[in-house]
PDB file of all heavy atoms in Angstrom:
ATOM      1  N   VAL A   1     -42.564  24.511  45.283  1.00  0.00           N
ATOM      2  CA  VAL A   1     -41.741  23.339  45.408  1.00  0.00           C
ATOM      3  C   VAL A   1     -40.526  23.759  46.164  1.00  0.00           C
ATOM      4  O   VAL A   1     -39.910  24.754  45.866  1.00  0.00           O
ATOM      5  CB  VAL A   1     -41.467  22.749  44.039  1.00  0.00           C
ATOM      6  CG1 VAL A   1     -40.532  21.541  44.201  1.00  0.00           C
ATOM      7  CG2 VAL A   1     -42.738  22.355  43.367  1.00  0.00           C
ATOM      8  N   ASP A   2     -40.063  22.893  47.087  1.00  0.00           N
ATOM      9  CA  ASP A   2     -38.893  23.155  47.888  1.00  0.00           C
ATOM     10  C   ASP A   2     -37.594  22.862  47.164  1.00  0.00           C
ATOM     11  O   ASP A   2     -36.527  23.334  47.534  1.00  0.00           O
ATOM     12  CB  ASP A   2     -38.877  22.455  49.216  1.00  0.00           C
ATOM     13  CG  ASP A   2     -40.117  22.816  50.057  1.00  0.00           C
ATOM     14  OD1 ASP A   2     -40.595  24.013  49.925  1.00  0.00           O
ATOM     15  OD2 ASP A   2     -40.579  22.057  50.851  1.00  0.00           O
ATOM     16  N   THR A   3     -37.631  21.945  46.191  1.00  0.00           N
ATOM     17  CA  THR A   3     -36.389  21.537  45.497  1.00  0.00           C
ATOM     18  C   THR A   3     -36.716  21.441  43.977  1.00  0.00           C
ATOM     19  O   THR A   3     -37.897  21.279  43.628  1.00  0.00           O
ATOM     20  CB  THR A   3     -35.819  20.283  45.971  1.00  0.00           C
ATOM     21  OG1 THR A   3     -36.793  19.271  45.777  1.00  0.00           O
ATOM     22  CG2 THR A   3     -35.359  20.369  47.419  1.00  0.00           C
ATOM     23  N   VAL A   4     -35.686  21.556  43.252  1.00  0.00           N
ATOM     24  CA  VAL A   4     -35.848  21.366  41.720  1.00  0.00           C
ATOM     25  C   VAL A   4     -34.745  20.388  41.289  1.00  0.00           C
ATOM     26  O   VAL A   4     -33.729  20.188  42.122  1.00  0.00           O
ATOM     27  CB  VAL A   4     -35.745  22.724  40.928  1.00  0.00           C
ATOM     28  CG1 VAL A   4     -36.898  23.561  41.176  1.00  0.00           C
ATOM     29  CG2 VAL A   4     -34.430  23.391  41.192  1.00  0.00           C
ATOM     30  N   ARG A   5     -34.846  19.729  40.207  1.00  0.00           N
ATOM     31  CA  ARG A   5     -33.806  18.814  39.627  1.00  0.00           C
ATOM     32  C   ARG A   5     -32.855  19.623  38.812  1.00  0.00           C
ATOM     33  O   ARG A   5     -33.165  20.465  38.065  1.00  0.00           O
ATOM     34  CB  ARG A   5     -34.517  17.796  38.753  1.00  0.00           C
ATOM     35  CG  ARG A   5     -35.452  16.950  39.568  1.00  0.00           C
ATOM     36  CD  ARG A   5     -36.174  15.905  38.686  1.00  0.00           C
ATOM     37  NE  ARG A   5     -35.299  14.944  37.911  1.00  0.00           N
ATOM     38  CZ  ARG A   5     -34.761  13.933  38.485  1.00  0.00           C
ATOM     39  NH1 ARG A   5     -34.932  13.587  39.773  1.00  0.00           N
ATOM     40  NH2 ARG A   5     -34.059  13.127  37.739  1.00  0.00           N
ATOM     41  N   ALA A   6     -31.503  19.288  39.027  1.00  0.00           N
ATOM     42  CA  ALA A   6     -30.513  20.006  38.320  1.00  0.00           C
ATOM     43  C   ALA A   6     -29.252  19.009  38.248  1.00  0.00           C
ATOM     44  O   ALA A   6     -29.114  18.039  39.008  1.00  0.00           O
ATOM     45  CB  ALA A   6     -29.994  21.225  39.107  1.00  0.00           C
ATOM     46  N   THR A   7     -28.442  19.286  37.250  1.00  0.00           N
ATOM     47  CA  THR A   7     -27.295  18.435  36.990  1.00  0.00           C
ATOM     48  C   THR A   7     -26.050  18.878  37.868  1.00  0.00           C
ATOM     49  O   THR A   7     -25.779  20.008  37.968  1.00  0.00           O
ATOM     50  CB  THR A   7     -26.877  18.527  35.529  1.00  0.00           C
ATOM     51  OG1 THR A   7     -27.939  18.146  34.674  1.00  0.00           O
ATOM     52  CG2 THR A   7     -25.650  17.653  35.156  1.00  0.00           C
ATOM     53  N   VAL A   8     -25.408  17.903  38.486  1.00  0.00           N
ATOM     54  CA  VAL A   8     -24.284  18.217  39.307  1.00  0.00           C
ATOM     55  C   VAL A   8     -23.147  17.284  38.935  1.00  0.00           C
ATOM     56  O   VAL A   8     -23.293  16.236  38.276  1.00  0.00           O
ATOM     57  CB  VAL A   8     -24.609  17.925  40.831  1.00  0.00           C
ATOM     58  CG1 VAL A   8     -25.575  18.922  41.337  1.00  0.00           C
ATOM     59  CG2 VAL A   8     -25.071  16.492  41.121  1.00  0.00           C
ATOM     60  N   ARG A   9     -21.875  17.700  39.318  1.00  0.00           N
ATOM     61  CA  ARG A   9     -20.666  16.807  39.084  1.00  0.00           C
ATOM     62  C   ARG A   9     -20.036  16.672  40.432  1.00  0.00           C
ATOM     63  O   ARG A   9     -19.943  17.499  41.238  1.00  0.00           O
ATOM     64  CB  ARG A   9     -19.662  17.555  38.086  1.00  0.00           C
ATOM     65  CG  ARG A   9     -20.238  17.582  36.662  1.00  0.00           C
ATOM     66  CD  ARG A   9     -19.106  17.906  35.750  1.00  0.00           C
ATOM     67  NE  ARG A   9     -19.526  17.823  34.387  1.00  0.00           N
ATOM     68  CZ  ARG A   9     -19.687  18.827  33.590  1.00  0.00           C
ATOM     69  NH1 ARG A   9     -19.156  20.075  33.851  1.00  0.00           N
ATOM     70  NH2 ARG A   9     -20.153  18.712  32.351  1.00  0.00           N
ATOM     71  N   TRP A  10     -19.366  15.420  40.577  1.00  0.00           N
ATOM     72  CA  TRP A  10     -18.565  15.253  41.762  1.00  0.00           C
ATOM     73  C   TRP A  10     -17.463  14.179  41.406  1.00  0.00           C
ATOM     74  O   TRP A  10     -17.559  13.510  40.405  1.00  0.00           O
ATOM     75  CB  TRP A  10     -19.564  14.596  42.790  1.00  0.00           C
ATOM     76  CG  TRP A  10     -20.021  13.222  42.538  1.00  0.00           C
ATOM     77  CD1 TRP A  10     -19.387  12.040  42.952  1.00  0.00           C
ATOM     78  CD2 TRP A  10     -21.116  12.916  41.658  1.00  0.00           C
ATOM     79  NE1 TRP A  10     -20.149  10.934  42.423  1.00  0.00           N
ATOM     80  CE2 TRP A  10     -21.190  11.530  41.676  1.00  0.00           C
ATOM     81  CE3 TRP A  10     -21.989  13.595  41.007  1.00  0.00           C
ATOM     82  CZ2 TRP A  10     -22.139  10.823  40.906  1.00  0.00           C
ATOM     83  CZ3 TRP A  10     -23.036  12.951  40.294  1.00  0.00           C
ATOM     84  CH2 TRP A  10     -23.061  11.469  40.256  1.00  0.00           C
ATOM     85  N   ARG A  11     -16.544  14.047  42.370  1.00  0.00           N
ATOM     86  CA  ARG A  11     -15.464  13.121  42.174  1.00  0.00           C
ATOM     87  C   ARG A  11     -15.627  12.007  43.186  1.00  0.00           C
ATOM     88  O   ARG A  11     -15.981  12.301  44.383  1.00  0.00           O
ATOM     89  CB  ARG A  11     -14.067  13.741  42.334  1.00  0.00           C
ATOM     90  CG  ARG A  11     -13.818  14.759  41.256  1.00  0.00           C
ATOM     91  CD  ARG A  11     -12.348  15.129  41.242  1.00  0.00           C
ATOM     92  NE  ARG A  11     -12.051  16.055  40.120  1.00  0.00           N
ATOM     93  CZ  ARG A  11     -11.771  15.741  38.837  1.00  0.00           C
ATOM     94  NH1 ARG A  11     -11.672  14.455  38.607  1.00  0.00           N
ATOM     95  NH2 ARG A  11     -11.547  16.550  37.949  1.00  0.00           N
ATOM     96  N   ASP A  12     -15.340  10.781  42.854  1.00  0.00           N
ATOM     97  CA  ASP A  12     -15.447   9.620  43.791  1.00  0.00           C
ATOM     98  C   ASP A  12     -14.150   9.521  44.534  1.00  0.00           C
ATOM     99  O   ASP A  12     -13.216  10.354  44.438  1.00  0.00           O
ATOM    100  CB  ASP A  12     -15.874   8.316  43.098  1.00  0.00           C
ATOM    101  CG  ASP A  12     -14.857   7.936  42.088  1.00  0.00           C
ATOM    102  OD1 ASP A  12     -13.703   8.451  42.065  1.00  0.00           O
ATOM    103  OD2 ASP A  12     -15.145   7.015  41.252  1.00  0.00           O
ATOM    104  N   ALA A  13     -13.915   8.512  45.332  1.00  0.00           N
ATOM    105  CA  ALA A  13     -12.788   8.277  46.118  1.00  0.00           C
ATOM    106  C   ALA A  13     -11.509   8.114  45.340  1.00  0.00           C
ATOM    107  O   ALA A  13     -10.436   8.339  45.767  1.00  0.00           O
ATOM    108  CB  ALA A  13     -12.996   7.018  47.033  1.00  0.00           C
ATOM    109  N   ARG A  14     -11.602   7.641  44.006  1.00  0.00           N
ATOM    110  CA  ARG A  14     -10.502   7.508  43.154  1.00  0.00           C
ATOM    111  C   ARG A  14     -10.330   8.709  42.276  1.00  0.00           C
ATOM    112  O   ARG A  14      -9.530   8.747  41.224  1.00  0.00           O
ATOM    113  CB  ARG A  14     -10.707   6.312  42.243  1.00  0.00           C
ATOM    114  CG  ARG A  14     -10.642   4.985  43.124  1.00  0.00           C
ATOM    115  CD  ARG A  14     -10.780   3.864  42.194  1.00  0.00           C
ATOM    116  NE  ARG A  14     -12.245   3.908  41.679  1.00  0.00           N
ATOM    117  CZ  ARG A  14     -12.948   2.829  41.347  1.00  0.00           C
ATOM    118  NH1 ARG A  14     -12.549   1.654  41.622  1.00  0.00           N
ATOM    119  NH2 ARG A  14     -14.213   3.031  40.894  1.00  0.00           N
ATOM    120  N   SER A  15     -10.998   9.825  42.585  1.00  0.00           N
ATOM    121  CA  SER A  15     -10.958  11.122  41.770  1.00  0.00           C
ATOM    122  C   SER A  15     -11.501  10.885  40.447  1.00  0.00           C
ATOM    123  O   SER A  15     -11.063  11.785  39.569  1.00  0.00           O
ATOM    124  CB  SER A  15      -9.499  11.684  41.811  1.00  0.00           C
ATOM    125  OG  SER A  15      -9.074  11.936  43.114  1.00  0.00           O
ATOM    126  N   THR A  16     -12.298  10.109  40.127  1.00  0.00           N
ATOM    127  CA  THR A  16     -12.992   9.926  38.838  1.00  0.00           C
ATOM    128  C   THR A  16     -14.162  10.862  38.876  1.00  0.00           C
ATOM    129  O   THR A  16     -14.996  10.968  39.802  1.00  0.00           O
ATOM    130  CB  THR A  16     -13.453   8.449  38.534  1.00  0.00           C
ATOM    131  OG1 THR A  16     -12.366   7.638  38.778  1.00  0.00           O
ATOM    132  CG2 THR A  16     -14.054   8.340  37.259  1.00  0.00           C
ATOM    133  N   LEU A  17     -14.281  11.619  37.761  1.00  0.00           N
ATOM    134  CA  LEU A  17     -15.332  12.713  37.654  1.00  0.00           C
ATOM    135  C   LEU A  17     -16.641  12.011  37.250  1.00  0.00           C
ATOM    136  O   LEU A  17     -16.654  11.174  36.309  1.00  0.00           O
ATOM    137  CB  LEU A  17     -14.916  13.793  36.669  1.00  0.00           C
ATOM    138  CG  LEU A  17     -15.920  14.959  36.530  1.00  0.00           C
ATOM    139  CD1 LEU A  17     -15.995  15.743  37.821  1.00  0.00           C
ATOM    140  CD2 LEU A  17     -15.489  15.863  35.476  1.00  0.00           C
ATOM    141  N   HIS A  18     -17.747  12.313  37.922  1.00  0.00           N
ATOM    142  CA  HIS A  18     -19.136  11.761  37.578  1.00  0.00           C
ATOM    143  C   HIS A  18     -20.044  12.934  37.472  1.00  0.00           C
ATOM    144  O   HIS A  18     -19.791  14.046  38.049  1.00  0.00           O
ATOM    145  CB  HIS A  18     -19.566  10.828  38.726  1.00  0.00           C
ATOM    146  CG  HIS A  18     -18.745   9.623  38.875  1.00  0.00           C
ATOM    147  ND1 HIS A  18     -18.875   8.479  38.226  1.00  0.00           N
ATOM    148  CD2 HIS A  18     -17.699   9.376  39.797  1.00  0.00           C
ATOM    149  CE1 HIS A  18     -17.986   7.636  38.625  1.00  0.00           C
ATOM    150  NE2 HIS A  18     -17.366   8.057  39.658  1.00  0.00           N
ATOM    151  N   SER A  19     -21.170  12.725  36.778  1.00  0.00           N
ATOM    152  CA  SER A  19     -22.229  13.638  36.737  1.00  0.00           C
ATOM    153  C   SER A  19     -23.591  12.997  36.849  1.00  0.00           C
ATOM    154  O   SER A  19     -23.658  11.848  36.554  1.00  0.00           O
ATOM    155  CB  SER A  19     -22.138  14.540  35.459  1.00  0.00           C
ATOM    156  OG  SER A  19     -22.436  13.664  34.338  1.00  0.00           O
ATOM    157  N   GLY A  20     -24.531  13.677  37.344  1.00  0.00           N
ATOM    158  CA  GLY A  20     -25.851  13.117  37.490  1.00  0.00           C
ATOM    159  C   GLY A  20     -26.846  14.245  37.870  1.00  0.00           C
ATOM    160  O   GLY A  20     -26.522  15.384  38.047  1.00  0.00           O
ATOM    161  N   VAL A  21     -28.036  13.796  38.016  1.00  0.00           N
ATOM    162  CA  VAL A  21     -29.154  14.738  38.372  1.00  0.00           C
ATOM    163  C   VAL A  21     -29.637  14.480  39.749  1.00  0.00           C
ATOM    164  O   VAL A  21     -29.814  13.361  40.113  1.00  0.00           O
ATOM    165  CB  VAL A  21     -30.291  14.606  37.286  1.00  0.00           C
ATOM    166  CG1 VAL A  21     -31.467  15.557  37.702  1.00  0.00           C
ATOM    167  CG2 VAL A  21     -29.880  14.772  35.932  1.00  0.00           C
ATOM    168  N   THR A  22     -29.825  15.548  40.578  1.00  0.00           N
ATOM    169  CA  THR A  22     -30.202  15.459  41.923  1.00  0.00           C
ATOM    170  C   THR A  22     -31.189  16.608  42.171  1.00  0.00           C
ATOM    171  O   THR A  22     -31.282  17.535  41.509  1.00  0.00           O
ATOM    172  CB  THR A  22     -29.080  15.309  42.901  1.00  0.00           C
ATOM    173  OG1 THR A  22     -29.595  15.031  44.203  1.00  0.00           O
ATOM    174  CG2 THR A  22     -28.329  16.623  42.958  1.00  0.00           C
ATOM    175  N   GLN A  23     -31.759  16.600  43.343  1.00  0.00           N
ATOM    176  CA  GLN A  23     -32.581  17.722  43.878  1.00  0.00           C
ATOM    177  C   GLN A  23     -31.752  18.785  44.457  1.00  0.00           C
ATOM    178  O   GLN A  23     -30.829  18.427  45.298  1.00  0.00           O
ATOM    179  CB  GLN A  23     -33.617  17.190  44.928  1.00  0.00           C
ATOM    180  CG  GLN A  23     -34.546  16.139  44.371  1.00  0.00           C
ATOM    181  CD  GLN A  23     -35.571  16.686  43.370  1.00  0.00           C
ATOM    182  OE1 GLN A  23     -35.912  17.852  43.395  1.00  0.00           O
ATOM    183  NE2 GLN A  23     -36.104  15.852  42.469  1.00  0.00           N
ATOM    184  N   VAL A  24     -31.896  20.011  44.159  1.00  0.00           N
ATOM    185  CA  VAL A  24     -31.174  21.146  44.722  1.00  0.00           C
ATOM    186  C   VAL A  24     -32.214  22.264  45.083  1.00  0.00           C
ATOM    187  O   VAL A  24     -33.319  22.227  44.688  1.00  0.00           O
ATOM    188  CB  VAL A  24     -30.199  21.673  43.702  1.00  0.00           C
ATOM    189  CG1 VAL A  24     -29.085  20.652  43.419  1.00  0.00           C
ATOM    190  CG2 VAL A  24     -30.754  22.215  42.470  1.00  0.00           C
TER     191      VAL A  24
END
């Protein structure tokens, strides 16, 4: 498999912290 699912964190335009699962 070329990618696996993993949890990531990011900040939106208002600098609010979010987390979610994406392919890495």
